[in-house]
PDB file of N, CA and C in Angstrom:
ATOM      1  N   MET A   1     101.253 -75.377 100.111  1.00  0.00           N
ATOM      2  CA  MET A   1      99.908 -74.976  99.751  1.00  0.00           C
ATOM      3  C   MET A   1      98.802 -74.735 101.340  1.00  0.00           C
ATOM      4  N   ARG A   2      98.210 -73.521 101.944  1.00  0.00           N
ATOM      5  CA  ARG A   2      98.280 -73.279 103.148  1.00  0.00           C
ATOM      6  C   ARG A   2      96.526 -73.951 103.484  1.00  0.00           C
ATOM      7  N   THR A   3      96.153 -74.724 104.903  1.00  0.00           N
ATOM      8  CA  THR A   3      95.021 -75.307 104.952  1.00  0.00           C
ATOM      9  C   THR A   3      94.994 -74.948 106.480  1.00  0.00           C
ATOM     10  N   THR A   4      94.013 -75.245 106.447  1.00  0.00           N
ATOM     11  CA  THR A   4      93.338 -75.107 108.384  1.00  0.00           C
ATOM     12  C   THR A   4      93.071 -76.464 108.719  1.00  0.00           C
ATOM     13  N   ILE A   5      93.953 -77.163 109.883  1.00  0.00           N
ATOM     14  CA  ILE A   5      92.716 -78.279 110.217  1.00  0.00           C
ATOM     15  C   ILE A   5      92.931 -77.814 112.247  1.00  0.00           C
ATOM     16  N   ASP A   6      92.107 -78.363 112.404  1.00  0.00           N
ATOM     17  CA  ASP A   6      92.135 -78.523 114.181  1.00  0.00           C
ATOM     18  C   ASP A   6      92.668 -79.917 114.527  1.00  0.00           C
ATOM     19  N   LEU A   7      93.650 -79.657 115.551  1.00  0.00           N
ATOM     20  CA  LEU A   7      94.119 -80.435 115.928  1.00  0.00           C
ATOM     21  C   LEU A   7      94.224 -80.838 117.522  1.00  0.00           C
ATOM     22  N   ASP A   8      94.004 -81.582 118.413  1.00  0.00           N
ATOM     23  CA  ASP A   8      93.488 -81.637 119.911  1.00  0.00           C
ATOM     24  C   ASP A   8      95.191 -81.358 120.535  1.00  0.00           C
ATOM     25  N   ALA A   9      94.381 -80.694 121.343  1.00  0.00           N
ATOM     26  CA  ALA A   9      95.653 -80.225 121.988  1.00  0.00           C
ATOM     27  C   ALA A   9      96.917 -80.265 122.679  1.00  0.00           C
ATOM     28  N   ASP A  10      96.467 -82.084 123.206  1.00  0.00           N
ATOM     29  CA  ASP A  10      97.370 -82.506 123.202  1.00  0.00           C
ATOM     30  C   ASP A  10      98.562 -82.626 122.898  1.00  0.00           C
ATOM     31  N   LEU A  11      97.844 -83.086 121.254  1.00  0.00           N
ATOM     32  CA  LEU A  11      98.291 -83.275 119.704  1.00  0.00           C
ATOM     33  C   LEU A  11      99.212 -82.597 119.569  1.00  0.00           C
ATOM     34  N   LEU A  12      98.930 -81.296 119.563  1.00  0.00           N
ATOM     35  CA  LEU A  12      99.735 -80.003 119.239  1.00  0.00           C
ATOM     36  C   LEU A  12     100.773 -79.932 120.156  1.00  0.00           C
ATOM     37  N   GLU A  13     100.443 -80.091 121.395  1.00  0.00           N
ATOM     38  CA  GLU A  13     101.650 -80.133 122.246  1.00  0.00           C
ATOM     39  C   GLU A  13     102.809 -81.259 122.108  1.00  0.00           C
ATOM     40  N   ARG A  14     102.163 -81.919 121.714  1.00  0.00           N
ATOM     41  CA  ARG A  14     103.501 -83.631 121.414  1.00  0.00           C
ATOM     42  C   ARG A  14     104.130 -82.772 119.848  1.00  0.00           C
ATOM     43  N   LEU A  15     103.214 -82.305 119.234  1.00  0.00           N
ATOM     44  CA  LEU A  15     103.923 -81.996 118.053  1.00  0.00           C
ATOM     45  C   LEU A  15     104.927 -81.050 117.936  1.00  0.00           C
ATOM     46  N   ARG A  16     105.031 -79.768 118.749  1.00  0.00           N
ATOM     47  CA  ARG A  16     105.868 -78.777 118.884  1.00  0.00           C
ATOM     48  C   ARG A  16     106.576 -79.547 119.652  1.00  0.00           C
ATOM     49  N   ASP A  17     106.491 -80.276 120.695  1.00  0.00           N
ATOM     50  CA  ASP A  17     107.572 -80.518 121.237  1.00  0.00           C
ATOM     51  C   ASP A  17     108.533 -81.303 120.578  1.00  0.00           C
ATOM     52  N   GLU A  18     107.957 -82.126 119.822  1.00  0.00           N
ATOM     53  CA  GLU A  18     108.675 -83.447 119.147  1.00  0.00           C
ATOM     54  C   GLU A  18     109.566 -82.247 117.723  1.00  0.00           C
ATOM     55  N   ALA A  19     109.009 -81.443 117.472  1.00  0.00           N
ATOM     56  CA  ALA A  19     109.391 -80.639 116.629  1.00  0.00           C
ATOM     57  C   ALA A  19     110.951 -79.382 117.389  1.00  0.00           C
ATOM     58  N   ARG A  20     110.638 -79.498 118.407  1.00  0.00           N
ATOM     59  CA  ARG A  20     111.485 -78.240 119.075  1.00  0.00           C
ATOM     60  C   ARG A  20     112.874 -79.664 119.097  1.00  0.00           C
ATOM     61  N   GLN A  21     112.773 -80.959 119.667  1.00  0.00           N
ATOM     62  CA  GLN A  21     114.079 -81.529 119.905  1.00  0.00           C
ATOM     63  C   GLN A  21     114.354 -81.960 118.832  1.00  0.00           C
ATOM     64  N   ARG A  22     113.809 -82.736 117.748  1.00  0.00           N
ATOM     65  CA  ARG A  22     114.513 -82.782 116.563  1.00  0.00           C
ATOM     66  C   ARG A  22     115.121 -81.142 116.166  1.00  0.00           C
ATOM     67  N   GLY A  23     114.856 -80.087 116.123  1.00  0.00           N
ATOM     68  CA  GLY A  23     115.732 -79.019 115.644  1.00  0.00           C
ATOM     69  C   GLY A  23     114.726 -78.254 114.553  1.00  0.00           C
ATOM     70  N   VAL A  24     113.583 -78.606 113.984  1.00  0.00           N
ATOM     71  CA  VAL A  24     113.386 -78.530 112.733  1.00  0.00           C
ATOM     72  C   VAL A  24     111.898 -77.681 112.780  1.00  0.00           C
ATOM     73  N   PRO A  25     111.644 -77.092 111.613  1.00  0.00           N
ATOM     74  CA  PRO A  25     110.001 -76.874 111.983  1.00  0.00           C
ATOM     75  C   PRO A  25     109.138 -77.444 112.004  1.00  0.00           C
ATOM     76  N   PHE A  26     108.282 -76.712 112.735  1.00  0.00           N
ATOM     77  CA  PHE A  26     106.436 -77.671 113.006  1.00  0.00           C
ATOM     78  C   PHE A  26     106.196 -78.307 111.707  1.00  0.00           C
ATOM     79  N   LYS A  27     106.208 -77.271 110.587  1.00  0.00           N
ATOM     80  CA  LYS A  27     105.646 -77.579 109.402  1.00  0.00           C
ATOM     81  C   LYS A  27     105.969 -78.789 108.559  1.00  0.00           C
ATOM     82  N   ASP A  28     107.849 -78.491 108.933  1.00  0.00           N
ATOM     83  CA  ASP A  28     108.568 -79.592 108.306  1.00  0.00           C
ATOM     84  C   ASP A  28     107.636 -81.421 108.646  1.00  0.00           C
ATOM     85  N   LEU A  29     107.928 -81.157 110.321  1.00  0.00           N
ATOM     86  CA  LEU A  29     107.820 -82.255 111.195  1.00  0.00           C
ATOM     87  C   LEU A  29     106.408 -82.511 110.914  1.00  0.00           C
ATOM     88  N   LEU A  30     105.446 -81.961 110.725  1.00  0.00           N
ATOM     89  CA  LEU A  30     104.347 -82.252 110.577  1.00  0.00           C
ATOM     90  C   LEU A  30     103.839 -83.239 108.900  1.00  0.00           C
ATOM     91  N   ASN A  31     104.701 -82.470 108.006  1.00  0.00           N
ATOM     92  CA  ASN A  31     104.379 -82.780 106.824  1.00  0.00           C
ATOM     93  C   ASN A  31     105.534 -84.556 106.462  1.00  0.00           C
ATOM     94  N   SER A  32     106.147 -84.340 107.389  1.00  0.00           N
ATOM     95  CA  SER A  32     107.233 -85.913 107.389  1.00  0.00           C
ATOM     96  C   SER A  32     106.444 -86.673 107.621  1.00  0.00           C
ATOM     97  N   LEU A  33     106.422 -87.043 108.860  1.00  0.00           N
ATOM     98  CA  LEU A  33     105.469 -87.521 109.594  1.00  0.00           C
ATOM     99  C   LEU A  33     103.697 -87.800 108.948  1.00  0.00           C
ATOM    100  N   LEU A  34     103.368 -87.051 108.473  1.00  0.00           N
ATOM    101  CA  LEU A  34     102.226 -87.227 107.283  1.00  0.00           C
ATOM    102  C   LEU A  34     102.401 -88.374 106.416  1.00  0.00           C
ATOM    103  N   ARG A  35     103.272 -87.858 105.767  1.00  0.00           N
ATOM    104  CA  ARG A  35     104.485 -88.514 104.107  1.00  0.00           C
ATOM    105  C   ARG A  35     104.744 -89.794 104.712  1.00  0.00           C
ATOM    106  N   ALA A  36     104.820 -90.145 106.015  1.00  0.00           N
ATOM    107  CA  ALA A  36     105.736 -91.606 106.539  1.00  0.00           C
ATOM    108  C   ALA A  36     104.098 -92.247 106.631  1.00  0.00           C
ATOM    109  N   SER A  37     103.018 -91.821 107.149  1.00  0.00           N
ATOM    110  CA  SER A  37     101.860 -92.024 107.323  1.00  0.00           C
ATOM    111  C   SER A  37     101.336 -92.986 106.429  1.00  0.00           C
ATOM    112  N   LEU A  38     101.174 -91.903 105.421  1.00  0.00           N
ATOM    113  CA  LEU A  38     100.556 -92.413 104.619  1.00  0.00           C
ATOM    114  C   LEU A  38     101.026 -93.402 103.280  1.00  0.00           C
ATOM    115  N   GLU A  39     102.355 -93.165 103.329  1.00  0.00           N
ATOM    116  CA  GLU A  39     103.282 -94.095 102.262  1.00  0.00           C
ATOM    117  C   GLU A  39     103.471 -95.365 103.112  1.00  0.00           C
ATOM    118  N   GLY A  40     103.898 -95.610 104.315  1.00  0.00           N
ATOM    119  CA  GLY A  40     104.009 -96.811 105.086  1.00  0.00           C
ATOM    120  C   GLY A  40     102.695 -97.484 105.260  1.00  0.00           C
ATOM    121  N   GLY A  41     101.721 -97.122 105.681  1.00  0.00           N
ATOM    122  CA  GLY A  41     100.922 -98.332 105.895  1.00  0.00           C
ATOM    123  C   GLY A  41     100.606 -98.154 107.194  1.00  0.00           C
ATOM    124  N   PRO A  42      99.695 -99.000 107.534  1.00  0.00           N
ATOM    125  CA  PRO A  42      99.760 -99.448 109.223  1.00  0.00           C
ATOM    126  C   PRO A  42     100.986 -99.462 109.952  1.00  0.00           C
ATOM    127  N   ALA A  43     101.541 -98.510 111.004  1.00  0.00           N
ATOM    128  CA  ALA A  43     102.891 -98.695 111.669  1.00  0.00           C
ATOM    129  C   ALA A  43     103.633-100.845 111.975  1.00  0.00           C
ATOM    130  N   LYS A  44     104.309-101.128 111.784  1.00  0.00           N
ATOM    131  CA  LYS A  44     104.882-102.669 112.112  1.00  0.00           C
ATOM    132  C   LYS A  44     105.086-102.348 113.570  1.00  0.00           C
ATOM    133  N   ILE A  45     103.940-103.776 114.008  1.00  0.00           N
ATOM    134  CA  ILE A  45     104.422-103.732 115.291  1.00  0.00           C
ATOM    135  C   ILE A  45     105.372-104.896 115.969  1.00  0.00           C
ATOM    136  N   GLU A  46     106.173-104.772 116.095  1.00  0.00           N
ATOM    137  CA  GLU A  46     107.172-105.450 116.583  1.00  0.00           C
ATOM    138  C   GLU A  46     106.803-106.848 117.875  1.00  0.00           C
ATOM    139  N   PRO A  47     107.290-107.884 117.654  1.00  0.00           N
ATOM    140  CA  PRO A  47     106.324-108.789 118.542  1.00  0.00           C
ATOM    141  C   PRO A  47     107.177-108.666 119.688  1.00  0.00           C
ATOM    142  N   TYR A  48     106.506-108.580 120.780  1.00  0.00           N
ATOM    143  CA  TYR A  48     106.828-108.477 122.692  1.00  0.00           C
ATOM    144  C   TYR A  48     107.873-109.729 122.798  1.00  0.00           C
ATOM    145  N   GLU A  49     108.977-109.982 123.209  1.00  0.00           N
ATOM    146  CA  GLU A  49     109.702-111.389 123.515  1.00  0.00           C
ATOM    147  C   GLU A  49     109.957-110.886 125.234  1.00  0.00           C
ATOM    148  N   CYS A  50     109.022-112.158 125.978  1.00  0.00           N
ATOM    149  CA  CYS A  50     109.078-112.004 127.321  1.00  0.00           C
ATOM    150  C   CYS A  50     110.292-112.781 127.739  1.00  0.00           C
ATOM    151  N   PRO A  51     110.588-111.602 128.649  1.00  0.00           N
ATOM    152  CA  PRO A  51     112.711-112.451 128.838  1.00  0.00           C
ATOM    153  C   PRO A  51     112.043-114.062 130.122  1.00  0.00           C
ATOM    154  N   VAL A  52     113.357-114.419 129.393  1.00  0.00           N
ATOM    155  CA  VAL A  52     112.857-116.280 130.479  1.00  0.00           C
ATOM    156  C   VAL A  52     114.370-116.797 131.550  1.00  0.00           C
ATOM    157  N   PHE A  53     113.540-116.710 132.556  1.00  0.00           N
ATOM    158  CA  PHE A  53     114.660-117.169 133.642  1.00  0.00           C
ATOM    159  C   PHE A  53     114.379-118.377 134.236  1.00  0.00           C
ATOM    160  N   SER A  54     115.640-118.629 134.654  1.00  0.00           N
ATOM    161  CA  SER A  54     115.214-119.907 135.058  1.00  0.00           C
ATOM    162  C   SER A  54     115.013-119.930 136.656  1.00  0.00           C
ATOM    163  N   MET A  55     113.890-121.378 137.100  1.00  0.00           N
ATOM    164  CA  MET A  55     113.159-121.272 138.112  1.00  0.00           C
ATOM    165  C   MET A  55     114.325-121.976 138.674  1.00  0.00           C
ATOM    166  N   GLY A  56     115.149-122.849 138.577  1.00  0.00           N
ATOM    167  CA  GLY A  56     115.766-123.704 139.255  1.00  0.00           C
ATOM    168  C   GLY A  56     115.306-125.609 139.510  1.00  0.00           C
ATOM    169  N   GLU A  57     116.022-126.439 140.219  1.00  0.00           N
ATOM    170  CA  GLU A  57     115.303-127.370 140.414  1.00  0.00           C
ATOM    171  C   GLU A  57     114.096-127.412 140.728  1.00  0.00           C
ATOM    172  N   ALA A  58     113.310-128.315 140.424  1.00  0.00           N
ATOM    173  CA  ALA A  58     111.575-128.137 140.778  1.00  0.00           C
ATOM    174  C   ALA A  58     112.463-129.602 141.670  1.00  0.00           C
ATOM    175  N   ARG A  59     111.378-130.195 142.889  1.00  0.00           N
ATOM    176  CA  ARG A  59     111.154-130.756 143.569  1.00  0.00           C
ATOM    177  C   ARG A  59     110.249-132.162 142.757  1.00  0.00           C
ATOM    178  N   PRO A  60     110.836-133.376 142.548  1.00  0.00           N
ATOM    179  CA  PRO A  60     110.726-134.610 141.880  1.00  0.00           C
ATOM    180  C   PRO A  60     109.138-134.804 141.963  1.00  0.00           C
ATOM    181  N   GLY A  61     108.790-135.151 140.766  1.00  0.00           N
ATOM    182  CA  GLY A  61     107.484-135.593 140.651  1.00  0.00           C
ATOM    183  C   GLY A  61     106.137-133.835 140.766  1.00  0.00           C
ATOM    184  N   ILE A  62     107.090-132.429 140.736  1.00  0.00           N
ATOM    185  CA  ILE A  62     106.319-131.553 140.647  1.00  0.00           C
ATOM    186  C   ILE A  62     106.650-130.643 139.918  1.00  0.00           C
ATOM    187  N   ASP A  63     105.556-130.682 138.761  1.00  0.00           N
ATOM    188  CA  ASP A  63     105.062-129.609 137.509  1.00  0.00           C
ATOM    189  C   ASP A  63     105.018-128.817 137.475  1.00  0.00           C
ATOM    190  N   LEU A  64     106.140-127.695 137.292  1.00  0.00           N
ATOM    191  CA  LEU A  64     106.083-126.284 137.198  1.00  0.00           C
ATOM    192  C   LEU A  64     105.393-125.834 136.662  1.00  0.00           C
ATOM    193  N   ASP A  65     104.814-126.066 135.920  1.00  0.00           N
ATOM    194  CA  ASP A  65     103.481-125.902 134.552  1.00  0.00           C
ATOM    195  C   ASP A  65     102.807-125.380 135.215  1.00  0.00           C
ATOM    196  N   LYS A  66     102.570-126.347 136.252  1.00  0.00           N
ATOM    197  CA  LYS A  66     100.715-126.475 137.274  1.00  0.00           C
ATOM    198  C   LYS A  66     101.213-125.503 138.386  1.00  0.00           C
ATOM    199  N   ALA A  67     101.254-124.490 138.383  1.00  0.00           N
ATOM    200  CA  ALA A  67     100.982-123.739 139.741  1.00  0.00           C
ATOM    201  C   ALA A  67     100.649-123.999 140.946  1.00  0.00           C
ATOM    202  N   LEU A  68      98.766-124.218 140.793  1.00  0.00           N
ATOM    203  CA  LEU A  68      98.106-124.754 141.709  1.00  0.00           C
ATOM    204  C   LEU A  68      98.462-126.164 142.281  1.00  0.00           C
ATOM    205  N   GLN A  69      98.963-126.728 141.355  1.00  0.00           N
ATOM    206  CA  GLN A  69      99.369-128.190 141.682  1.00  0.00           C
ATOM    207  C   GLN A  69     100.680-127.679 143.222  1.00  0.00           C
ATOM    208  N   VAL A  70     101.446-127.466 142.345  1.00  0.00           N
ATOM    209  CA  VAL A  70     103.012-126.732 143.690  1.00  0.00           C
ATOM    210  C   VAL A  70     102.214-125.505 144.952  1.00  0.00           C
ATOM    211  N   ALA A  71     101.376-125.517 145.070  1.00  0.00           N
ATOM    212  CA  ALA A  71     100.851-124.632 145.760  1.00  0.00           C
ATOM    213  C   ALA A  71     100.014-125.336 146.634  1.00  0.00           C
ATOM    214  N   SER A  72      98.996-126.538 145.828  1.00  0.00           N
ATOM    215  CA  SER A  72      98.635-127.499 146.996  1.00  0.00           C
ATOM    216  C   SER A  72      99.539-128.301 147.834  1.00  0.00           C
ATOM    217  N   ALA A  73     100.701-128.547 146.905  1.00  0.00           N
ATOM    218  CA  ALA A  73     101.993-129.595 147.581  1.00  0.00           C
ATOM    219  C   ALA A  73     102.411-128.777 148.589  1.00  0.00           C
ATOM    220  N   LEU A  74     102.649-127.464 148.444  1.00  0.00           N
ATOM    221  CA  LEU A  74     103.642-126.468 149.382  1.00  0.00           C
ATOM    222  C   LEU A  74     102.521-126.537 150.818  1.00  0.00           C
ATOM    223  N   GLU A  75     101.020-126.575 150.643  1.00  0.00           N
ATOM    224  CA  GLU A  75      99.956-125.448 151.844  1.00  0.00           C
ATOM    225  C   GLU A  75     100.053-127.428 152.003  1.00  0.00           C
ATOM    226  N   ASP A  76     100.291-129.123 151.668  1.00  0.00           N
ATOM    227  CA  ASP A  76      99.921-129.662 152.423  1.00  0.00           C
ATOM    228  C   ASP A  76     101.372-129.843 153.416  1.00  0.00           C
ATOM    229  N   GLU A  77     102.366-129.815 152.627  1.00  0.00           N
ATOM    230  CA  GLU A  77     103.590-129.731 153.640  1.00  0.00           C
ATOM    231  C   GLU A  77     103.642-128.791 154.732  1.00  0.00           C
ATOM    232  N   GLU A  78     103.048-127.288 154.744  1.00  0.00           N
ATOM    233  CA  GLU A  78     103.491-126.833 156.353  1.00  0.00           C
ATOM    234  C   GLU A  78     101.841-127.529 156.854  1.00  0.00           C
ATOM    235  N   THR A  79     100.817-127.810 156.702  1.00  0.00           N
ATOM    236  CA  THR A  79      99.728-128.621 157.242  1.00  0.00           C
ATOM    237  C   THR A  79     100.661-129.514 158.237  1.00  0.00           C
ATOM    238  N   ALA A  80     101.088-130.452 157.415  1.00  0.00           N
ATOM    239  CA  ALA A  80     101.969-131.713 158.490  1.00  0.00           C
ATOM    240  C   ALA A  80     103.154-131.175 159.629  1.00  0.00           C
ATOM    241  N   ARG A  81     103.383-129.896 158.740  1.00  0.00           N
ATOM    242  CA  ARG A  81     104.258-129.596 159.522  1.00  0.00           C
ATOM    243  C   ARG A  81     103.853-128.938 160.544  1.00  0.00           C
ATOM    244  N   ARG A  82     102.778-128.389 160.957  1.00  0.00           N
ATOM    245  CA  ARG A  82     101.946-127.581 162.019  1.00  0.00           C
ATOM    246  C   ARG A  82     101.179-128.869 162.538  1.00  0.00           C
ATOM    247  N   LEU A  83     100.949-129.774 162.154  1.00  0.00           N
ATOM    248  CA  LEU A  83     100.444-130.875 163.011  1.00  0.00           C
ATOM    249  C   LEU A  83     101.378-131.972 163.580  1.00  0.00           C
ATOM    250  N   LEU A  84     102.707-131.960 163.454  1.00  0.00           N
ATOM    251  CA  LEU A  84     103.822-132.296 163.790  1.00  0.00           C
ATOM    252  C   LEU A  84     104.384-131.492 165.550  1.00  0.00           C
ATOM    253  N   LEU A  85     104.239-130.195 164.936  1.00  0.00           N
ATOM    254  CA  LEU A  85     104.191-129.441 166.050  1.00  0.00           C
ATOM    255  C   LEU A  85     103.781-129.590 167.509  1.00  0.00           C
ATOM    256  N   ARG A  86     102.108-129.957 167.238  1.00  0.00           N
ATOM    257  CA  ARG A  86     101.449-130.360 168.226  1.00  0.00           C
ATOM    258  C   ARG A  86     101.668-131.297 169.067  1.00  0.00           C
ATOM    259  N   LYS A  87     102.152-132.186 168.584  1.00  0.00           N
ATOM    260  CA  LYS A  87     102.219-133.486 169.251  1.00  0.00           C
ATOM    261  C   LYS A  87     103.527-133.302 170.656  1.00  0.00           C
TER     262      LYS A  87
END
């Protein structure tokens, strides 16, 4: 069946590029994408998993979950070091 639709220029270009990459006619690609969208409902979004890295050993008494506490302790140590250098 023949019909006329208005596509945004950027979408049309993406569809043409995809059809070229897949080596299929534009019409076939458009039909398959529309069919998959209508049959599948909303696309399933996979949850993002953030990689976890070890931060090494922490200083005793400092909870690494509390970044402000760590920053404050480091700042206090630096201030004490500078005061000792003045003597």
